[in-house]
C-alpha atoms as a PDB file:
ATOM      1  CA  MET A   1     103.260  87.603  76.494  1.00  0.00           C
ATOM      2  CA  SER A   2     100.136  89.234  75.538  1.00  0.00           C
ATOM      3  CA  ARG A   3     102.109  90.603  72.527  1.00  0.00           C
ATOM      4  CA  PRO A   4     102.313  86.786  70.667  1.00  0.00           C
ATOM      5  CA  ILE A   5      98.172  86.121  71.576  1.00  0.00           C
ATOM      6  CA  MET A   6      96.839  89.308  70.768  1.00  0.00           C
ATOM      7  CA  SER A   7      98.799  89.119  67.224  1.00  0.00           C
ATOM      8  CA  LEU A   8      97.465  85.724  66.576  1.00  0.00           C
ATOM      9  CA  LEU A   9      94.091  86.752  67.220  1.00  0.00           C
ATOM     10  CA  VAL A  10      94.467  89.875  64.660  1.00  0.00           C
ATOM     11  CA  GLY A  11      96.097  87.001  62.244  1.00  0.00           C
ATOM     12  CA  LEU A  12      92.830  84.618  62.957  1.00  0.00           C
ATOM     13  CA  GLY A  13      90.298  87.464  62.106  1.00  0.00           C
ATOM     14  CA  PHE A  14      88.588  87.272  65.832  1.00  0.00           C
ATOM     15  CA  ALA A  15      86.634  90.566  67.141  1.00  0.00           C
ATOM     16  CA  ILE A  16      87.289  91.729  70.512  1.00  0.00           C
ATOM     17  CA  ALA A  17      83.381  92.901  70.239  1.00  0.00           C
ATOM     18  CA  VAL A  18      82.619  88.864  69.941  1.00  0.00           C
ATOM     19  CA  SER A  19      82.391  88.920  73.873  1.00  0.00           C
ATOM     20  CA  ALA A  20      79.392  92.477  74.865  1.00  0.00           C
ATOM     21  CA  CYS A  21      81.760  93.339  78.179  1.00  0.00           C
ATOM     22  CA  ALA A  22      85.361  91.990  79.764  1.00  0.00           C
ATOM     23  CA  THR A  23      85.788  88.464  81.090  1.00  0.00           C
ATOM     24  CA  PRO A  24      88.088  88.805  84.712  1.00  0.00           C
ATOM     25  CA  THR A  25      91.213  86.991  84.738  1.00  0.00           C
ATOM     26  CA  THR A  26      89.229  84.522  86.913  1.00  0.00           C
ATOM     27  CA  ARG A  27      85.919  83.534  88.970  1.00  0.00           C
ATOM     28  CA  HIS A  28      87.691  81.266  91.444  1.00  0.00           C
ATOM     29  CA  PRO A  29      86.362  82.903  94.618  1.00  0.00           C
ATOM     30  CA  VAL A  30      88.601  85.159  96.847  1.00  0.00           C
ATOM     31  CA  ILE A  31      88.999  86.035 100.289  1.00  0.00           C
ATOM     32  CA  ALA A  32      90.553  88.223 102.394  1.00  0.00           C
ATOM     33  CA  ALA A  33      94.438  86.787 103.652  1.00  0.00           C
ATOM     34  CA  ASP A  34      95.312  85.650 106.720  1.00  0.00           C
ATOM     35  CA  LEU A  35      98.609  87.200 106.305  1.00  0.00           C
ATOM     36  CA  GLY A  36     100.026  90.298 106.046  1.00  0.00           C
ATOM     37  CA  ALA A  37     100.346  93.763 108.778  1.00  0.00           C
ATOM     38  CA  PRO A  38     100.149  97.027 106.538  1.00  0.00           C
ATOM     39  CA  ALA A  39     103.536  99.178 107.347  1.00  0.00           C
ATOM     40  CA  ALA A  40     105.140 101.952 106.041  1.00  0.00           C
ATOM     41  CA  SER A  41     108.114 101.245 103.275  1.00  0.00           C
ATOM     42  CA  SER A  42     110.740 102.775 106.262  1.00  0.00           C
ATOM     43  CA  ASP A  43     109.636  99.831 108.537  1.00  0.00           C
ATOM     44  CA  MET A  44     110.672  97.646 105.348  1.00  0.00           C
ATOM     45  CA  ALA A  45     113.980  99.540 105.135  1.00  0.00           C
ATOM     46  CA  THR A  46     114.932  99.501 108.514  1.00  0.00           C
ATOM     47  CA  SER A  47     114.210  95.705 108.385  1.00  0.00           C
ATOM     48  CA  LEU A  48     117.248  95.347 106.408  1.00  0.00           C
ATOM     49  CA  ALA A  49     119.636  95.807 108.668  1.00  0.00           C
ATOM     50  CA  ARG A  50     119.343  93.292 110.637  1.00  0.00           C
ATOM     51  CA  PRO A  51     120.540  89.498 109.794  1.00  0.00           C
ATOM     52  CA  GLY A  52     118.427  87.773 107.935  1.00  0.00           C
ATOM     53  CA  VAL A  53     116.225  84.557 109.211  1.00  0.00           C
ATOM     54  CA  VAL A  54     114.875  83.186 106.300  1.00  0.00           C
ATOM     55  CA  THR A  55     116.794  81.200 103.766  1.00  0.00           C
ATOM     56  CA  PHE A  56     116.426  81.906  99.670  1.00  0.00           C
ATOM     57  CA  GLN A  57     116.431  79.863  96.655  1.00  0.00           C
ATOM     58  CA  ARG A  58     115.777  80.748  92.789  1.00  0.00           C
ATOM     59  CA  VAL A  59     114.864  78.105  90.705  1.00  0.00           C
ATOM     60  CA  ALA A  60     114.611  77.640  86.542  1.00  0.00           C
ATOM     61  CA  PHE A  61     112.020  75.784  85.392  1.00  0.00           C
ATOM     62  CA  ALA A  62     111.226  76.689  81.796  1.00  0.00           C
ATOM     63  CA  HIS A  63     113.019  79.140  78.642  1.00  0.00           C
ATOM     64  CA  TRP A  64     111.482  80.423  76.150  1.00  0.00           C
ATOM     65  CA  THR A  65     112.275  83.165  73.698  1.00  0.00           C
ATOM     66  CA  GLY A  66     110.002  85.952  72.574  1.00  0.00           C
ATOM     67  CA  GLY A  67     110.558  88.583  70.360  1.00  0.00           C
ATOM     68  CA  ARG A  68     111.562  92.412  71.965  1.00  0.00           C
ATOM     69  CA  GLY A  69     107.839  93.660  71.479  1.00  0.00           C
ATOM     70  CA  THR A  70     106.995  90.688  73.571  1.00  0.00           C
ATOM     71  CA  PHE A  71     108.750  92.806  76.448  1.00  0.00           C
ATOM     72  CA  ILE A  72     108.838  96.693  75.451  1.00  0.00           C
ATOM     73  CA  ASP A  73     106.243  98.908  73.677  1.00  0.00           C
ATOM     74  CA  ARG A  74     107.079  99.547  70.280  1.00  0.00           C
ATOM     75  CA  ASP A  75     103.877 101.686  69.802  1.00  0.00           C
ATOM     76  CA  ASP A  76     106.413 104.405  72.483  1.00  0.00           C
ATOM     77  CA  PRO A  77     108.331 106.574  70.905  1.00  0.00           C
ATOM     78  CA  ARG A  78     111.073 105.946  74.146  1.00  0.00           C
ATOM     79  CA  THR A  79     112.354 102.694  72.461  1.00  0.00           C
ATOM     80  CA  ALA A  80     112.928 103.575  69.083  1.00  0.00           C
ATOM     81  CA  GLU A  81     115.998 103.310  69.385  1.00  0.00           C
ATOM     82  CA  VAL A  82     116.187  99.732  70.419  1.00  0.00           C
ATOM     83  CA  PRO A  83     117.137  97.044  67.677  1.00  0.00           C
ATOM     84  CA  GLN A  84     114.643  94.504  66.247  1.00  0.00           C
ATOM     85  CA  GLY A  85     115.528  91.215  67.560  1.00  0.00           C
ATOM     86  CA  SER A  86     114.592  88.959  70.496  1.00  0.00           C
ATOM     87  CA  GLU A  87     114.643  88.058  74.053  1.00  0.00           C
ATOM     88  CA  GLU A  88     115.522  85.067  76.216  1.00  0.00           C
ATOM     89  CA  ALA A  89     113.276  84.533  78.977  1.00  0.00           C
ATOM     90  CA  THR A  90     113.138  82.102  82.226  1.00  0.00           C
ATOM     91  CA  ILE A  91     110.048  81.449  84.189  1.00  0.00           C
ATOM     92  CA  TYR A  92     111.500  81.608  87.439  1.00  0.00           C
ATOM     93  CA  ALA A  93     109.840  80.476  91.232  1.00  0.00           C
ATOM     94  CA  TYR A  94     112.040  81.536  94.509  1.00  0.00           C
ATOM     95  CA  VAL A  95     111.707  79.408  97.649  1.00  0.00           C
ATOM     96  CA  ILE A  96     111.687  80.552 100.916  1.00  0.00           C
ATOM     97  CA  ASP A  97     112.251  78.331 104.571  1.00  0.00           C
ATOM     98  CA  HIS A  98     111.297  80.199 107.413  1.00  0.00           C
ATOM     99  CA  PRO A  99     112.331  78.702 110.471  1.00  0.00           C
ATOM    100  CA  ARG A 100     108.842  79.297 112.400  1.00  0.00           C
ATOM    101  CA  PHE A 101     106.350  79.868 108.852  1.00  0.00           C
ATOM    102  CA  GLY A 102     107.792  76.993 107.064  1.00  0.00           C
ATOM    103  CA  ARG A 103     108.109  76.659 103.079  1.00  0.00           C
ATOM    104  CA  VAL A 104     107.332  78.911 100.811  1.00  0.00           C
ATOM    105  CA  LEU A 105     106.572  79.725  97.222  1.00  0.00           C
ATOM    106  CA  ILE A 106     106.763  82.790  95.065  1.00  0.00           C
ATOM    107  CA  ASP A 107     105.075  81.972  91.994  1.00  0.00           C
ATOM    108  CA  ALA A 108     104.938  78.224  91.195  1.00  0.00           C
ATOM    109  CA  GLY A 109     106.797  77.044  88.405  1.00  0.00           C
ATOM    110  CA  VAL A 110     105.713  75.126  85.347  1.00  0.00           C
ATOM    111  CA  SER A 111     103.754  72.014  84.862  1.00  0.00           C
ATOM    112  CA  ALA A 112     103.440  69.267  82.110  1.00  0.00           C
ATOM    113  CA  GLU A 113      99.897  69.303  82.169  1.00  0.00           C
ATOM    114  CA  LEU A 114      99.402  72.886  81.597  1.00  0.00           C
ATOM    115  CA  ASP A 115      98.978  71.824  77.734  1.00  0.00           C
ATOM    116  CA  ASP A 116      96.495  69.742  78.221  1.00  0.00           C
ATOM    117  CA  ARG A 117      94.221  72.077  80.222  1.00  0.00           C
ATOM    118  CA  LEU A 118      94.773  75.524  77.937  1.00  0.00           C
ATOM    119  CA  ASN A 119      92.326  76.097  74.948  1.00  0.00           C
ATOM    120  CA  TRP A 120      94.363  76.018  70.934  1.00  0.00           C
ATOM    121  CA  ILE A 121      94.544  79.824  70.960  1.00  0.00           C
ATOM    122  CA  MET A 122      96.550  79.772  74.422  1.00  0.00           C
ATOM    123  CA  ARG A 123      98.291  76.663  73.065  1.00  0.00           C
ATOM    124  CA  ARG A 124      99.396  77.966  70.046  1.00  0.00           C
ATOM    125  CA  SER A 125     101.196  81.159  71.522  1.00  0.00           C
ATOM    126  CA  VAL A 126     102.996  79.187  73.872  1.00  0.00           C
ATOM    127  CA  ARG A 127     104.417  77.014  71.212  1.00  0.00           C
ATOM    128  CA  ASP A 128     105.186  80.302  69.349  1.00  0.00           C
ATOM    129  CA  LEU A 129     107.399  80.983  72.331  1.00  0.00           C
ATOM    130  CA  ASN A 130     108.970  78.001  71.629  1.00  0.00           C
ATOM    131  CA  VAL A 131     108.709  77.477  75.698  1.00  0.00           C
ATOM    132  CA  ARG A 132     111.345  74.389  76.867  1.00  0.00           C
ATOM    133  CA  ILE A 133     111.170  73.229  80.534  1.00  0.00           C
ATOM    134  CA  GLU A 134     114.027  72.141  82.266  1.00  0.00           C
ATOM    135  CA  ARG A 135     112.320  71.613  85.183  1.00  0.00           C
ATOM    136  CA  THR A 136     108.436  70.668  86.355  1.00  0.00           C
ATOM    137  CA  THR A 137     106.833  71.690  89.295  1.00  0.00           C
ATOM    138  CA  ALA A 138     106.225  67.903  90.415  1.00  0.00           C
ATOM    139  CA  GLN A 139     109.896  67.072  89.445  1.00  0.00           C
ATOM    140  CA  TRP A 140     111.295  69.717  91.681  1.00  0.00           C
ATOM    141  CA  LEU A 141     109.034  68.106  93.813  1.00  0.00           C
ATOM    142  CA  ALA A 142     110.035  65.085  94.276  1.00  0.00           C
ATOM    143  CA  GLY A 143     111.686  64.334  97.681  1.00  0.00           C
ATOM    144  CA  GLN A 144     111.503  68.150  99.088  1.00  0.00           C
ATOM    145  CA  THR A 145     109.298  69.438 101.499  1.00  0.00           C
ATOM    146  CA  ALA A 146     106.354  71.170  99.854  1.00  0.00           C
ATOM    147  CA  PRO A 147     105.279  74.602 100.621  1.00  0.00           C
ATOM    148  CA  GLY A 148     102.413  75.130 102.316  1.00  0.00           C
ATOM    149  CA  ALA A 149     102.257  78.730 100.398  1.00  0.00           C
ATOM    150  CA  VAL A 150     102.508  80.030  97.483  1.00  0.00           C
ATOM    151  CA  PHE A 151     102.553  83.910  97.173  1.00  0.00           C
ATOM    152  CA  LEU A 152     101.906  85.497  93.424  1.00  0.00           C
ATOM    153  CA  THR A 153     103.455  88.387  91.737  1.00  0.00           C
ATOM    154  CA  HIS A 154     100.360  88.022  89.522  1.00  0.00           C
ATOM    155  CA  LEU A 155      98.297  85.553  87.656  1.00  0.00           C
ATOM    156  CA  HIS A 156      99.595  85.220  84.614  1.00  0.00           C
ATOM    157  CA  PHE A 157      99.800  81.640  83.644  1.00  0.00           C
ATOM    158  CA  ASP A 158     103.464  81.711  82.816  1.00  0.00           C
ATOM    159  CA  HIS A 159     103.932  82.264  86.966  1.00  0.00           C
ATOM    160  CA  VAL A 160     100.841  80.683  88.193  1.00  0.00           C
ATOM    161  CA  GLY A 161     101.201  77.114  85.832  1.00  0.00           C
ATOM    162  CA  GLY A 162     103.041  74.693  88.532  1.00  0.00           C
ATOM    163  CA  LEU A 163     100.206  75.298  91.133  1.00  0.00           C
ATOM    164  CA  ILE A 164      98.858  72.676  89.267  1.00  0.00           C
ATOM    165  CA  ASP A 165     102.101  70.297  90.480  1.00  0.00           C
ATOM    166  CA  LEU A 166     101.314  71.408  93.582  1.00  0.00           C
ATOM    167  CA  PRO A 167      98.830  69.838  96.642  1.00  0.00           C
ATOM    168  CA  LEU A 168      95.420  71.612  96.253  1.00  0.00           C
ATOM    169  CA  ALA A 169      95.600  72.269 100.058  1.00  0.00           C
ATOM    170  CA  THR A 170      98.026  74.773  99.339  1.00  0.00           C
ATOM    171  CA  ALA A 171      97.328  78.569 100.237  1.00  0.00           C
ATOM    172  CA  VAL A 172      97.654  80.615  96.836  1.00  0.00           C
ATOM    173  CA  TYR A 173      98.095  84.368  97.990  1.00  0.00           C
ATOM    174  CA  LEU A 174      97.795  87.761  95.421  1.00  0.00           C
ATOM    175  CA  GLY A 175      97.843  91.192  94.953  1.00  0.00           C
ATOM    176  CA  PRO A 176      94.121  93.235  95.406  1.00  0.00           C
ATOM    177  CA  GLY A 177      91.952  93.440  92.371  1.00  0.00           C
ATOM    178  CA  GLU A 178      94.471  90.718  90.099  1.00  0.00           C
ATOM    179  CA  ALA A 179      91.193  88.170  90.082  1.00  0.00           C
ATOM    180  CA  GLN A 180      88.737  90.387  89.397  1.00  0.00           C
ATOM    181  CA  GLU A 181      90.879  92.732  86.226  1.00  0.00           C
ATOM    182  CA  GLY A 182      88.575  92.630  83.114  1.00  0.00           C
ATOM    183  CA  SER A 183      89.522  92.071  79.630  1.00  0.00           C
ATOM    184  CA  ARG A 184      87.507  90.834  76.476  1.00  0.00           C
ATOM    185  CA  ILE A 185      90.206  88.737  75.579  1.00  0.00           C
ATOM    186  CA  ASN A 186      90.161  86.559  78.357  1.00  0.00           C
ATOM    187  CA  LEU A 187      87.203  84.516  76.993  1.00  0.00           C
ATOM    188  CA  LEU A 188      89.071  83.624  73.795  1.00  0.00           C
ATOM    189  CA  LEU A 189      91.953  82.914  75.581  1.00  0.00           C
ATOM    190  CA  GLY A 190      89.560  80.451  77.712  1.00  0.00           C
ATOM    191  CA  SER A 191      90.506  81.434  81.173  1.00  0.00           C
ATOM    192  CA  PRO A 192      93.657  80.025  81.749  1.00  0.00           C
ATOM    193  CA  ALA A 193      93.905  80.778  84.987  1.00  0.00           C
ATOM    194  CA  ASP A 194      90.690  78.909  85.777  1.00  0.00           C
ATOM    195  CA  ALA A 195      91.851  75.805  84.598  1.00  0.00           C
ATOM    196  CA  ILE A 196      94.872  76.309  86.718  1.00  0.00           C
ATOM    197  CA  LEU A 197      92.853  77.007  89.843  1.00  0.00           C
ATOM    198  CA  GLU A 198      91.102  74.114  89.492  1.00  0.00           C
ATOM    199  CA  GLY A 199      90.494  72.371  92.991  1.00  0.00           C
ATOM    200  CA  HIS A 200      91.936  74.589  94.968  1.00  0.00           C
ATOM    201  CA  GLY A 201      91.160  76.580  97.658  1.00  0.00           C
ATOM    202  CA  PRO A 202      89.856  80.457  98.053  1.00  0.00           C
ATOM    203  CA  LEU A 203      92.653  82.946  96.600  1.00  0.00           C
ATOM    204  CA  ARG A 204      93.668  85.051  99.738  1.00  0.00           C
ATOM    205  CA  GLU A 205      94.102  88.589  98.833  1.00  0.00           C
ATOM    206  CA  TRP A 206      96.581  90.911 100.410  1.00  0.00           C
ATOM    207  CA  ALA A 207      95.211  93.802 102.435  1.00  0.00           C
ATOM    208  CA  PHE A 208      97.138  96.284 101.046  1.00  0.00           C
ATOM    209  CA  GLN A 209      96.907 100.075 102.808  1.00  0.00           C
ATOM    210  CA  PRO A 210      98.799 103.029 101.408  1.00  0.00           C
ATOM    211  CA  ASP A 211     102.282 103.163 102.465  1.00  0.00           C
ATOM    212  CA  PRO A 212     102.162 106.374 103.759  1.00  0.00           C
ATOM    213  CA  GLU A 213     105.311 107.321 102.580  1.00  0.00           C
ATOM    214  CA  GLY A 214     104.531 106.816  99.058  1.00  0.00           C
ATOM    215  CA  ASP A 215     107.188 105.122  98.148  1.00  0.00           C
ATOM    216  CA  PHE A 216     105.031 102.076  97.299  1.00  0.00           C
ATOM    217  CA  ASP A 217     101.160 101.965  96.767  1.00  0.00           C
ATOM    218  CA  GLY A 218     101.559  99.512  99.746  1.00  0.00           C
ATOM    219  CA  VAL A 219     103.681  97.659 102.320  1.00  0.00           C
ATOM    220  CA  LEU A 220     103.214  94.576 104.093  1.00  0.00           C
ATOM    221  CA  ASP A 221     105.010  92.820 106.486  1.00  0.00           C
ATOM    222  CA  VAL A 222     103.796  88.932 105.679  1.00  0.00           C
ATOM    223  CA  PHE A 223     104.903  87.066 108.433  1.00  0.00           C
ATOM    224  CA  GLY A 224     104.613  90.226 110.798  1.00  0.00           C
ATOM    225  CA  ASP A 225     109.178  89.927 111.831  1.00  0.00           C
ATOM    226  CA  GLY A 226     110.849  91.589 108.997  1.00  0.00           C
ATOM    227  CA  SER A 227     111.428  88.728 107.111  1.00  0.00           C
ATOM    228  CA  VAL A 228     109.112  89.065 103.563  1.00  0.00           C
ATOM    229  CA  TRP A 229     107.446  92.030 102.876  1.00  0.00           C
ATOM    230  CA  ALA A 230     104.484  92.321  99.606  1.00  0.00           C
ATOM    231  CA  LEU A 231     105.343  95.287  97.612  1.00  0.00           C
ATOM    232  CA  SER A 232     102.039  96.504  95.266  1.00  0.00           C
ATOM    233  CA  VAL A 233     103.392  97.280  92.403  1.00  0.00           C
ATOM    234  CA  PRO A 234     100.484  97.862  89.812  1.00  0.00           C
ATOM    235  CA  GLY A 235     100.118  97.933  85.839  1.00  0.00           C
ATOM    236  CA  HIS A 236     101.579  95.180  84.783  1.00  0.00           C
ATOM    237  CA  SER A 237      98.990  93.643  86.400  1.00  0.00           C
ATOM    238  CA  ALA A 238      96.144  95.219  88.468  1.00  0.00           C
ATOM    239  CA  GLY A 239      97.427  93.202  91.279  1.00  0.00           C
ATOM    240  CA  SER A 240     100.771  92.917  90.754  1.00  0.00           C
ATOM    241  CA  THR A 241     103.242  92.215  93.693  1.00  0.00           C
ATOM    242  CA  ALA A 242     107.094  92.488  94.628  1.00  0.00           C
ATOM    243  CA  TYR A 243     108.550  90.699  97.161  1.00  0.00           C
ATOM    244  CA  MET A 244     111.520  91.617  99.075  1.00  0.00           C
ATOM    245  CA  VAL A 245     112.835  88.494 100.906  1.00  0.00           C
ATOM    246  CA  ASN A 246     115.083  89.167 104.078  1.00  0.00           C
ATOM    247  CA  ALA A 247     117.545  86.322 103.735  1.00  0.00           C
ATOM    248  CA  ILE A 248     120.291  85.126 105.278  1.00  0.00           C
ATOM    249  CA  ASP A 249     122.141  85.777 102.800  1.00  0.00           C
ATOM    250  CA  GLY A 250     121.075  89.292 102.086  1.00  0.00           C
ATOM    251  CA  PRO A 251     118.412  90.962 100.937  1.00  0.00           C
ATOM    252  CA  LYS A 252     116.614  90.432  97.573  1.00  0.00           C
ATOM    253  CA  LEU A 253     113.887  92.306  96.009  1.00  0.00           C
ATOM    254  CA  ILE A 254     111.055  90.044  93.220  1.00  0.00           C
ATOM    255  CA  VAL A 255     109.810  92.019  91.169  1.00  0.00           C
ATOM    256  CA  GLY A 256     107.706  90.028  89.367  1.00  0.00           C
ATOM    257  CA  ASP A 257     106.719  91.124  85.457  1.00  0.00           C
ATOM    258  CA  ALA A 258     106.499  94.907  86.927  1.00  0.00           C
ATOM    259  CA  VAL A 259     109.543  94.507  85.130  1.00  0.00           C
ATOM    260  CA  SER A 260     110.613  91.876  83.287  1.00  0.00           C
ATOM    261  CA  THR A 261     113.993  92.267  81.524  1.00  0.00           C
ATOM    262  CA  ARG A 262     116.918  93.927  80.912  1.00  0.00           C
ATOM    263  CA  LEU A 263     115.629  96.364  78.699  1.00  0.00           C
ATOM    264  CA  GLY A 264     113.047  97.343  81.192  1.00  0.00           C
ATOM    265  CA  TRP A 265     115.046  97.612  84.186  1.00  0.00           C
ATOM    266  CA  GLU A 266     118.789  98.826  83.035  1.00  0.00           C
ATOM    267  CA  ASP A 267     117.174 100.929  80.297  1.00  0.00           C
ATOM    268  CA  GLY A 268     113.721 101.981  81.135  1.00  0.00           C
ATOM    269  CA  MET A 269     111.934 101.242  78.913  1.00  0.00           C
ATOM    270  CA  PRO A 270     108.564 100.968  79.533  1.00  0.00           C
ATOM    271  CA  GLN A 271     106.498  97.223  78.536  1.00  0.00           C
ATOM    272  CA  PRO A 272     103.373  96.766  76.324  1.00  0.00           C
ATOM    273  CA  VAL A 273     100.883  97.405  78.960  1.00  0.00           C
ATOM    274  CA  PRO A 274      96.825  98.976  77.755  1.00  0.00           C
ATOM    275  CA  ALA A 275      96.861 102.678  77.963  1.00  0.00           C
ATOM    276  CA  ALA A 276      94.810 103.134  81.096  1.00  0.00           C
ATOM    277  CA  ALA A 277      97.724 101.380  83.239  1.00  0.00           C
ATOM    278  CA  ARG A 278     100.448 103.202  81.380  1.00  0.00           C
ATOM    279  CA  ALA A 279     100.975 105.792  84.179  1.00  0.00           C
ATOM    280  CA  ALA A 280     100.832 102.844  86.922  1.00  0.00           C
ATOM    281  CA  ALA A 281     103.243 100.336  85.322  1.00  0.00           C
ATOM    282  CA  ASP A 282     105.711 103.074  84.593  1.00  0.00           C
ATOM    283  CA  ARG A 283     105.138 104.473  89.051  1.00  0.00           C
ATOM    284  CA  SER A 284     105.869 101.060  89.517  1.00  0.00           C
ATOM    285  CA  ALA A 285     108.627 100.457  87.688  1.00  0.00           C
ATOM    286  CA  GLU A 286     110.543 103.613  88.654  1.00  0.00           C
ATOM    287  CA  ARG A 287     109.542 103.176  92.454  1.00  0.00           C
ATOM    288  CA  LEU A 288     111.430  99.512  92.584  1.00  0.00           C
ATOM    289  CA  ARG A 289     114.461 101.108  90.573  1.00  0.00           C
ATOM    290  CA  ARG A 290     114.431 103.904  92.798  1.00  0.00           C
ATOM    291  CA  PHE A 291     114.708 101.197  95.940  1.00  0.00           C
ATOM    292  CA  ALA A 292     117.411  99.271  94.503  1.00  0.00           C
ATOM    293  CA  THR A 293     119.792 102.278  93.868  1.00  0.00           C
ATOM    294  CA  ALA A 294     118.664 103.624  97.296  1.00  0.00           C
ATOM    295  CA  HIS A 295     119.895 100.359  98.780  1.00  0.00           C
ATOM    296  CA  PRO A 296     122.811  98.701  96.856  1.00  0.00           C
ATOM    297  CA  SER A 297     123.093  95.635  99.410  1.00  0.00           C
ATOM    298  CA  VAL A 298     119.768  94.639  97.492  1.00  0.00           C
ATOM    299  CA  GLU A 299     119.937  91.617  94.688  1.00  0.00           C
ATOM    300  CA  VAL A 300     117.133  92.624  92.296  1.00  0.00           C
ATOM    301  CA  PHE A 301     115.562  89.525  90.638  1.00  0.00           C
ATOM    302  CA  LEU A 302     114.142  90.205  86.923  1.00  0.00           C
ATOM    303  CA  GLY A 303     110.885  88.935  86.072  1.00  0.00           C
ATOM    304  CA  HIS A 304     112.382  86.497  83.763  1.00  0.00           C
ATOM    305  CA  GLN A 305     116.111  87.816  83.178  1.00  0.00           C
ATOM    306  CA  SER A 306     118.472  88.204  85.347  1.00  0.00           C
ATOM    307  CA  ARG A 307     119.853  91.639  85.829  1.00  0.00           C
ATOM    308  CA  THR A 308     123.901  92.010  84.698  1.00  0.00           C
ATOM    309  CA  GLY A 309     126.440  92.857  87.058  1.00  0.00           C
ATOM    310  CA  GLN A 310     124.790  91.481  89.900  1.00  0.00           C
ATOM    311  CA  PRO A 311     126.032  88.519  92.307  1.00  0.00           C
ATOM    312  CA  GLY A 312     123.953  85.393  91.601  1.00  0.00           C
ATOM    313  CA  THR A 313     123.137  86.080  87.513  1.00  0.00           C
ATOM    314  CA  GLN A 314     125.037  82.759  86.497  1.00  0.00           C
ATOM    315  CA  PRO A 315     122.790  80.504  84.295  1.00  0.00           C
ATOM    316  CA  ASP A 316     120.678  78.213  86.989  1.00  0.00           C
END
């Protein structure tokens, strides 16, 4: 959602120089994760041949509409042939039930209270995107078992907003450097992650080590049994994390906004990121596509759209 926000700031005449130094995404405390054993990508690939032990469900929480420049970099010549237009996007979260470790969410859905916590610049941007809530995290949670943990793909507000509706004791995990990633824009946006995380305990940062085979920046066996894997895929943000879930009904790859739409996945269109993050974003997207191609049994879940021609891509 960075492009609409940037357009709004420019239109209002704000100068990035308002802040003399970069402001972190959040000043919320961060500690080392208490889960996750470093592994190689081949370990993960081998685990996919074993029967899954966790159940998996995708839940749609909200929908929004953005111009294609929200999702692809219109300044990159590779996007020149993509016609102007808009894309429909969905805010998803994913429910994992593990026989030993209980319920976990990947990303957090949305909250009806989010709007009140955002500053007026963020509220204006969200309204410009015509966000339509299908269900809030609080509504989904009614009558359900609350998750003990949330594994974040990244800290952008459309992936973490539902934390407002979850118990404050819920453990929250994220990729390295995600909380500390600095930008002068964060000051103007009012640090939405800080507003969302208010009252929650420290964020737990995945302790990735380099993948010995170089297929990803890092691979973690989250529970130590091959059921859930965290993959370091920086670029969209410093700590962007994908998750491989070896579910009972087959393996699922949740890529987050490392690739958010079909334009990025099927057509290889680059997403809008700062120049310093371009190489990492392109590399992470290509690594995810390469892994999925090499393992055709894996069902891929993009950040905000379904893949065409894949199982389970009917509207939620």
